[in-house]
Amino acid sequence: MTFSRITVDPEKMGGVPCIRGLRIPVATVVEMVADGMAEKGILRAYPDLEPEDIREALRYAAAAVREREIPLLSAP
């Protein structure tokens, strides 16, 4: 599985998985969903996000749990 909207850059955010090179960690988005925040609320809180970013963050988190490690990213 490839994740075109998830980036890992050791020079940004200590290398944690983020959305599209932004300084918005996947974990932050997943936590907002887990806390019951609706998509519109997340997009309001982070205007740089797009609806597909939220869906891909959830897919990425599911893959990470399934693999028990950070999934490999596709090459840019």
PDB file of N, CA and C in Angstrom:
ATOM      1  N   MET A   1       0.847  -1.177   0.000  1.00  0.00           N
ATOM      2  CA  MET A   1       0.000   0.000   0.000  1.00  0.00           C
ATOM      3  C   MET A   1       0.891   1.239   0.000  1.00  0.00           C
ATOM      4  N   THR A   2       0.570   2.193  -0.846  1.00  0.00           N
ATOM      5  CA  THR A   2       1.342   3.429  -0.903  1.00  0.00           C
ATOM      6  C   THR A   2       0.516   4.573  -0.329  1.00  0.00           C
ATOM      7  N   PHE A   3       1.217   5.557   0.159  1.00  0.00           N
ATOM      8  CA  PHE A   3       0.584   6.707   0.792  1.00  0.00           C
ATOM      9  C   PHE A   3       1.150   7.979   0.175  1.00  0.00           C
ATOM     10  N   SER A   4       0.446   8.538  -0.779  1.00  0.00           N
ATOM     11  CA  SER A   4       0.957   9.702  -1.500  1.00  0.00           C
ATOM     12  C   SER A   4       0.828  10.995  -0.698  1.00  0.00           C
ATOM     13  N   ARG A   5       0.003  11.014   0.334  1.00  0.00           N
ATOM     14  CA  ARG A   5      -0.216  12.233   1.110  1.00  0.00           C
ATOM     15  C   ARG A   5       0.514  12.225   2.449  1.00  0.00           C
ATOM     16  N   ILE A   6       1.222  11.153   2.741  1.00  0.00           N
ATOM     17  CA  ILE A   6       1.945  11.052   4.002  1.00  0.00           C
ATOM     18  C   ILE A   6       3.432  11.168   3.705  1.00  0.00           C
ATOM     19  N   THR A   7       4.100  12.039   4.433  1.00  0.00           N
ATOM     20  CA  THR A   7       5.532  12.229   4.237  1.00  0.00           C
ATOM     21  C   THR A   7       6.268  12.039   5.558  1.00  0.00           C
ATOM     22  N   VAL A   8       7.497  11.562   5.443  1.00  0.00           N
ATOM     23  CA  VAL A   8       8.378  11.424   6.602  1.00  0.00           C
ATOM     24  C   VAL A   8       9.691  12.098   6.223  1.00  0.00           C
ATOM     25  N   ASP A   9      10.019  13.153   6.922  1.00  0.00           N
ATOM     26  CA  ASP A   9      11.236  13.915   6.638  1.00  0.00           C
ATOM     27  C   ASP A   9      11.981  14.117   7.959  1.00  0.00           C
ATOM     28  N   PRO A  10      13.181  13.544   8.089  1.00  0.00           N
ATOM     29  CA  PRO A  10      13.929  13.693   9.332  1.00  0.00           C
ATOM     30  C   PRO A  10      14.190  15.149   9.711  1.00  0.00           C
ATOM     31  N   GLU A  11      14.121  16.052   8.743  1.00  0.00           N
ATOM     32  CA  GLU A  11      14.369  17.470   9.001  1.00  0.00           C
ATOM     33  C   GLU A  11      13.118  18.222   9.471  1.00  0.00           C
ATOM     34  N   LYS A  12      11.965  17.551   9.424  1.00  0.00           N
ATOM     35  CA  LYS A  12      10.705  18.183   9.851  1.00  0.00           C
ATOM     36  C   LYS A  12      10.051  17.347  10.930  1.00  0.00           C
ATOM     37  N   MET A  13       9.701  17.969  12.005  1.00  0.00           N
ATOM     38  CA  MET A  13       8.936  17.326  13.070  1.00  0.00           C
ATOM     39  C   MET A  13       9.629  16.058  13.583  1.00  0.00           C
ATOM     40  N   GLY A  14      10.950  16.041  13.534  1.00  0.00           N
ATOM     41  CA  GLY A  14      11.695  14.900  14.046  1.00  0.00           C
ATOM     42  C   GLY A  14      11.467  13.610  13.282  1.00  0.00           C
ATOM     43  N   GLY A  15      10.968  13.719  12.062  1.00  0.00           N
ATOM     44  CA  GLY A  15      10.758  12.538  11.239  1.00  0.00           C
ATOM     45  C   GLY A  15       9.439  11.816  11.468  1.00  0.00           C
ATOM     46  N   VAL A  16       8.535  12.417  12.241  1.00  0.00           N
ATOM     47  CA  VAL A  16       7.233  11.760  12.436  1.00  0.00           C
ATOM     48  C   VAL A  16       6.414  11.877  11.152  1.00  0.00           C
ATOM     49  N   PRO A  17       5.575  10.901  10.862  1.00  0.00           N
ATOM     50  CA  PRO A  17       4.738  10.958   9.659  1.00  0.00           C
ATOM     51  C   PRO A  17       3.806  12.169   9.703  1.00  0.00           C
ATOM     52  N   CYS A  18       3.828  12.953   8.633  1.00  0.00           N
ATOM     53  CA  CYS A  18       3.016  14.168   8.540  1.00  0.00           C
ATOM     54  C   CYS A  18       2.193  14.146   7.256  1.00  0.00           C
ATOM     55  N   ILE A  19       1.269  15.063   7.178  1.00  0.00           N
ATOM     56  CA  ILE A  19       0.416  15.196   6.009  1.00  0.00           C
ATOM     57  C   ILE A  19       1.101  16.092   4.978  1.00  0.00           C
ATOM     58  N   ARG A  20       1.356  15.566   3.789  1.00  0.00           N
ATOM     59  CA  ARG A  20       1.860  16.301   2.625  1.00  0.00           C
ATOM     60  C   ARG A  20       2.997  17.277   2.917  1.00  0.00           C
ATOM     61  N   GLY A  21       3.913  16.914   3.773  1.00  0.00           N
ATOM     62  CA  GLY A  21       5.046  17.787   4.053  1.00  0.00           C
ATOM     63  C   GLY A  21       4.707  18.951   4.964  1.00  0.00           C
ATOM     64  N   LEU A  22       3.452  19.055   5.357  1.00  0.00           N
ATOM     65  CA  LEU A  22       3.048  20.092   6.300  1.00  0.00           C
ATOM     66  C   LEU A  22       3.494  19.663   7.695  1.00  0.00           C
ATOM     67  N   ARG A  23       3.485  20.556   8.598  1.00  0.00           N
ATOM     68  CA  ARG A  23       3.848  20.213   9.976  1.00  0.00           C
ATOM     69  C   ARG A  23       2.597  19.806  10.760  1.00  0.00           C
ATOM     70  N   ILE A  24       1.839  18.917  10.150  1.00  0.00           N
ATOM     71  CA  ILE A  24       0.625  18.379  10.768  1.00  0.00           C
ATOM     72  C   ILE A  24       0.815  16.868  10.849  1.00  0.00           C
ATOM     73  N   PRO A  25       1.130  16.358  12.052  1.00  0.00           N
ATOM     74  CA  PRO A  25       1.364  14.924  12.190  1.00  0.00           C
ATOM     75  C   PRO A  25       0.106  14.092  11.930  1.00  0.00           C
ATOM     76  N   VAL A  26       0.318  12.929  11.337  1.00  0.00           N
ATOM     77  CA  VAL A  26      -0.780  11.980  11.130  1.00  0.00           C
ATOM     78  C   VAL A  26      -1.459  11.698  12.468  1.00  0.00           C
ATOM     79  N   ALA A  27      -0.675  11.530  13.520  1.00  0.00           N
ATOM     80  CA  ALA A  27      -1.233  11.210  14.838  1.00  0.00           C
ATOM     81  C   ALA A  27      -2.201  12.284  15.326  1.00  0.00           C
ATOM     82  N   THR A  28      -1.925  13.533  15.020  1.00  0.00           N
ATOM     83  CA  THR A  28      -2.818  14.618  15.429  1.00  0.00           C
ATOM     84  C   THR A  28      -4.167  14.485  14.749  1.00  0.00           C
ATOM     85  N   VAL A  29      -4.154  14.205  13.456  1.00  0.00           N
ATOM     86  CA  VAL A  29      -5.398  14.060  12.698  1.00  0.00           C
ATOM     87  C   VAL A  29      -6.183  12.843  13.201  1.00  0.00           C
ATOM     88  N   VAL A  30      -5.491  11.728  13.397  1.00  0.00           N
ATOM     89  CA  VAL A  30      -6.156  10.509  13.872  1.00  0.00           C
ATOM     90  C   VAL A  30      -6.751  10.732  15.259  1.00  0.00           C
ATOM     91  N   GLU A  31      -6.031  11.416  16.108  1.00  0.00           N
ATOM     92  CA  GLU A  31      -6.534  11.697  17.455  1.00  0.00           C
ATOM     93  C   GLU A  31      -7.788  12.568  17.407  1.00  0.00           C
ATOM     94  N   MET A  32      -7.815  13.535  16.507  1.00  0.00           N
ATOM     95  CA  MET A  32      -8.995  14.393  16.382  1.00  0.00           C
ATOM     96  C   MET A  32     -10.215  13.568  15.969  1.00  0.00           C
ATOM     97  N   VAL A  33     -10.015  12.647  15.043  1.00  0.00           N
ATOM     98  CA  VAL A  33     -11.106  11.763  14.620  1.00  0.00           C
ATOM     99  C   VAL A  33     -11.536  10.895  15.800  1.00  0.00           C
ATOM    100  N   ALA A  34     -10.564  10.328  16.515  1.00  0.00           N
ATOM    101  CA  ALA A  34     -10.862   9.468  17.661  1.00  0.00           C
ATOM    102  C   ALA A  34     -11.614  10.220  18.755  1.00  0.00           C
ATOM    103  N   ASP A  35     -11.333  11.498  18.884  1.00  0.00           N
ATOM    104  CA  ASP A  35     -12.019  12.325  19.881  1.00  0.00           C
ATOM    105  C   ASP A  35     -13.421  12.736  19.445  1.00  0.00           C
ATOM    106  N   GLY A  36     -13.810  12.309  18.245  1.00  0.00           N
ATOM    107  CA  GLY A  36     -15.167  12.585  17.771  1.00  0.00           C
ATOM    108  C   GLY A  36     -15.318  13.844  16.943  1.00  0.00           C
ATOM    109  N   MET A  37     -14.219  14.470  16.580  1.00  0.00           N
ATOM    110  CA  MET A  37     -14.312  15.685  15.781  1.00  0.00           C
ATOM    111  C   MET A  37     -14.741  15.331  14.356  1.00  0.00           C
ATOM    112  N   ALA A  38     -15.686  16.067  13.846  1.00  0.00           N
ATOM    113  CA  ALA A  38     -16.166  15.850  12.476  1.00  0.00           C
ATOM    114  C   ALA A  38     -15.148  16.397  11.469  1.00  0.00           C
ATOM    115  N   GLU A  39     -15.239  15.881  10.258  1.00  0.00           N
ATOM    116  CA  GLU A  39     -14.317  16.304   9.196  1.00  0.00           C
ATOM    117  C   GLU A  39     -14.311  17.826   9.040  1.00  0.00           C
ATOM    118  N   LYS A  40     -15.482  18.437   9.060  1.00  0.00           N
ATOM    119  CA  LYS A  40     -15.545  19.892   8.902  1.00  0.00           C
ATOM    120  C   LYS A  40     -14.789  20.621  10.003  1.00  0.00           C
ATOM    121  N   GLY A  41     -14.861  20.107  11.215  1.00  0.00           N
ATOM    122  CA  GLY A  41     -14.144  20.721  12.335  1.00  0.00           C
ATOM    123  C   GLY A  41     -12.637  20.600  12.179  1.00  0.00           C
ATOM    124  N   ILE A  42     -12.194  19.443  11.714  1.00  0.00           N
ATOM    125  CA  ILE A  42     -10.759  19.235  11.499  1.00  0.00           C
ATOM    126  C   ILE A  42     -10.262  20.168  10.399  1.00  0.00           C
ATOM    127  N   LEU A  43     -11.026  20.273   9.339  1.00  0.00           N
ATOM    128  CA  LEU A  43     -10.637  21.155   8.231  1.00  0.00           C
ATOM    129  C   LEU A  43     -10.660  22.627   8.649  1.00  0.00           C
ATOM    130  N   ARG A  44     -11.548  22.972   9.556  1.00  0.00           N
ATOM    131  CA  ARG A  44     -11.582  24.339  10.078  1.00  0.00           C
ATOM    132  C   ARG A  44     -10.358  24.602  10.958  1.00  0.00           C
ATOM    133  N   ALA A  45      -9.976  23.603  11.755  1.00  0.00           N
ATOM    134  CA  ALA A  45      -8.818  23.751  12.649  1.00  0.00           C
ATOM    135  C   ALA A  45      -7.507  23.794  11.864  1.00  0.00           C
ATOM    136  N   TYR A  46      -7.471  23.073  10.745  1.00  0.00           N
ATOM    137  CA  TYR A  46      -6.279  23.007   9.907  1.00  0.00           C
ATOM    138  C   TYR A  46      -6.680  23.297   8.464  1.00  0.00           C
ATOM    139  N   PRO A  47      -6.797  24.560   8.098  1.00  0.00           N
ATOM    140  CA  PRO A  47      -7.278  24.927   6.756  1.00  0.00           C
ATOM    141  C   PRO A  47      -6.426  24.401   5.601  1.00  0.00           C
ATOM    142  N   ASP A  48      -5.180  24.033   5.861  1.00  0.00           N
ATOM    143  CA  ASP A  48      -4.331  23.492   4.791  1.00  0.00           C
ATOM    144  C   ASP A  48      -4.672  22.041   4.451  1.00  0.00           C
ATOM    145  N   LEU A  49      -5.429  21.384   5.317  1.00  0.00           N
ATOM    146  CA  LEU A  49      -5.810  19.995   5.057  1.00  0.00           C
ATOM    147  C   LEU A  49      -6.939  19.912   4.044  1.00  0.00           C
ATOM    148  N   GLU A  50      -6.990  18.766   3.388  1.00  0.00           N
ATOM    149  CA  GLU A  50      -8.066  18.447   2.449  1.00  0.00           C
ATOM    150  C   GLU A  50      -8.761  17.191   2.963  1.00  0.00           C
ATOM    151  N   PRO A  51     -10.011  16.967   2.591  1.00  0.00           N
ATOM    152  CA  PRO A  51     -10.720  15.773   3.078  1.00  0.00           C
ATOM    153  C   PRO A  51      -9.953  14.470   2.838  1.00  0.00           C
ATOM    154  N   GLU A  52      -9.306  14.336   1.702  1.00  0.00           N
ATOM    155  CA  GLU A  52      -8.564  13.108   1.422  1.00  0.00           C
ATOM    156  C   GLU A  52      -7.375  12.931   2.361  1.00  0.00           C
ATOM    157  N   ASP A  53      -6.828  14.027   2.890  1.00  0.00           N
ATOM    158  CA  ASP A  53      -5.743  13.930   3.868  1.00  0.00           C
ATOM    159  C   ASP A  53      -6.214  13.181   5.111  1.00  0.00           C
ATOM    160  N   ILE A  54      -7.413  13.467   5.556  1.00  0.00           N
ATOM    161  CA  ILE A  54      -7.966  12.818   6.748  1.00  0.00           C
ATOM    162  C   ILE A  54      -8.152  11.326   6.482  1.00  0.00           C
ATOM    163  N   ARG A  55      -8.724  10.992   5.342  1.00  0.00           N
ATOM    164  CA  ARG A  55      -8.944   9.576   5.007  1.00  0.00           C
ATOM    165  C   ARG A  55      -7.611   8.824   4.905  1.00  0.00           C
ATOM    166  N   GLU A  56      -6.622   9.449   4.280  1.00  0.00           N
ATOM    167  CA  GLU A  56      -5.333   8.772   4.147  1.00  0.00           C
ATOM    168  C   GLU A  56      -4.629   8.642   5.491  1.00  0.00           C
ATOM    169  N   ALA A  57      -4.783   9.621   6.371  1.00  0.00           N
ATOM    170  CA  ALA A  57      -4.208   9.514   7.718  1.00  0.00           C
ATOM    171  C   ALA A  57      -4.789   8.303   8.443  1.00  0.00           C
ATOM    172  N   LEU A  58      -6.084   8.085   8.300  1.00  0.00           N
ATOM    173  CA  LEU A  58      -6.719   6.930   8.937  1.00  0.00           C
ATOM    174  C   LEU A  58      -6.237   5.618   8.314  1.00  0.00           C
ATOM    175  N   ARG A  59      -6.121   5.585   7.003  1.00  0.00           N
ATOM    176  CA  ARG A  59      -5.611   4.372   6.341  1.00  0.00           C
ATOM    177  C   ARG A  59      -4.167   4.092   6.769  1.00  0.00           C
ATOM    178  N   TYR A  60      -3.374   5.149   6.875  1.00  0.00           N
ATOM    179  CA  TYR A  60      -1.973   5.010   7.292  1.00  0.00           C
ATOM    180  C   TYR A  60      -1.897   4.453   8.715  1.00  0.00           C
ATOM    181  N   ALA A  61      -2.713   5.006   9.599  1.00  0.00           N
ATOM    182  CA  ALA A  61      -2.723   4.528  10.988  1.00  0.00           C
ATOM    183  C   ALA A  61      -3.143   3.061  11.049  1.00  0.00           C
ATOM    184  N   ALA A  62      -4.133   2.684  10.268  1.00  0.00           N
ATOM    185  CA  ALA A  62      -4.571   1.291  10.240  1.00  0.00           C
ATOM    186  C   ALA A  62      -3.450   0.386   9.747  1.00  0.00           C
ATOM    187  N   ALA A  63      -2.739   0.807   8.708  1.00  0.00           N
ATOM    188  CA  ALA A  63      -1.631   0.015   8.179  1.00  0.00           C
ATOM    189  C   ALA A  63      -0.509  -0.094   9.211  1.00  0.00           C
ATOM    190  N   ALA A  64      -0.237   0.986   9.908  1.00  0.00           N
ATOM    191  CA  ALA A  64       0.826   0.982  10.918  1.00  0.00           C
ATOM    192  C   ALA A  64       0.494   0.002  12.036  1.00  0.00           C
ATOM    193  N   VAL A  65      -0.742  -0.032  12.449  1.00  0.00           N
ATOM    194  CA  VAL A  65      -1.154  -0.960  13.501  1.00  0.00           C
ATOM    195  C   VAL A  65      -1.101  -2.396  12.985  1.00  0.00           C
ATOM    196  N   ARG A  66      -1.580  -2.587  11.787  1.00  0.00           N
ATOM    197  CA  ARG A  66      -1.586  -3.929  11.194  1.00  0.00           C
ATOM    198  C   ARG A  66      -0.161  -4.457  11.052  1.00  0.00           C
ATOM    199  N   GLU A  67       0.764  -3.611  10.632  1.00  0.00           N
ATOM    200  CA  GLU A  67       2.150  -4.016  10.411  1.00  0.00           C
ATOM    201  C   GLU A  67       2.989  -3.956  11.681  1.00  0.00           C
ATOM    202  N   ARG A  68       2.493  -3.250  12.678  1.00  0.00           N
ATOM    203  CA  ARG A  68       3.225  -3.034  13.934  1.00  0.00           C
ATOM    204  C   ARG A  68       4.520  -2.273  13.732  1.00  0.00           C
ATOM    205  N   GLU A  69       4.571  -1.536  12.640  1.00  0.00           N
ATOM    206  CA  GLU A  69       5.702  -0.662  12.359  1.00  0.00           C
ATOM    207  C   GLU A  69       5.236   0.379  11.362  1.00  0.00           C
ATOM    208  N   ILE A  70       6.032   1.388  11.149  1.00  0.00           N
ATOM    209  CA  ILE A  70       5.685   2.420  10.188  1.00  0.00           C
ATOM    210  C   ILE A  70       5.724   1.800   8.795  1.00  0.00           C
ATOM    211  N   PRO A  71       4.616   1.873   8.041  1.00  0.00           N
ATOM    212  CA  PRO A  71       4.617   1.318   6.680  1.00  0.00           C
ATOM    213  C   PRO A  71       5.598   2.052   5.773  1.00  0.00           C
ATOM    214  N   LEU A  72       6.122   1.342   4.790  1.00  0.00           N
ATOM    215  CA  LEU A  72       7.013   1.963   3.814  1.00  0.00           C
ATOM    216  C   LEU A  72       6.226   2.946   2.968  1.00  0.00           C
ATOM    217  N   LEU A  73       6.861   4.040   2.652  1.00  0.00           N
ATOM    218  CA  LEU A  73       6.241   5.059   1.811  1.00  0.00           C
ATOM    219  C   LEU A  73       6.702   4.869   0.378  1.00  0.00           C
ATOM    220  N   SER A  74       5.864   5.273  -0.544  1.00  0.00           N
ATOM    221  CA  SER A  74       6.277   5.229  -1.950  1.00  0.00           C
ATOM    222  C   SER A  74       7.333   6.299  -2.191  1.00  0.00           C
ATOM    223  N   ALA A  75       8.168   6.064  -3.140  1.00  0.00           N
ATOM    224  CA  ALA A  75       9.205   7.047  -3.494  1.00  0.00           C
ATOM    225  C   ALA A  75       8.548   8.245  -4.148  1.00  0.00           C
ATOM    226  N   PRO A  76       9.054   9.445  -3.902  1.00  0.00           N
ATOM    227  CA  PRO A  76       8.457  10.654  -4.496  1.00  0.00           C
ATOM    228  C   PRO A  76       8.596  10.690  -5.998  1.00  0.00           C
TER     229      PRO A  76
END
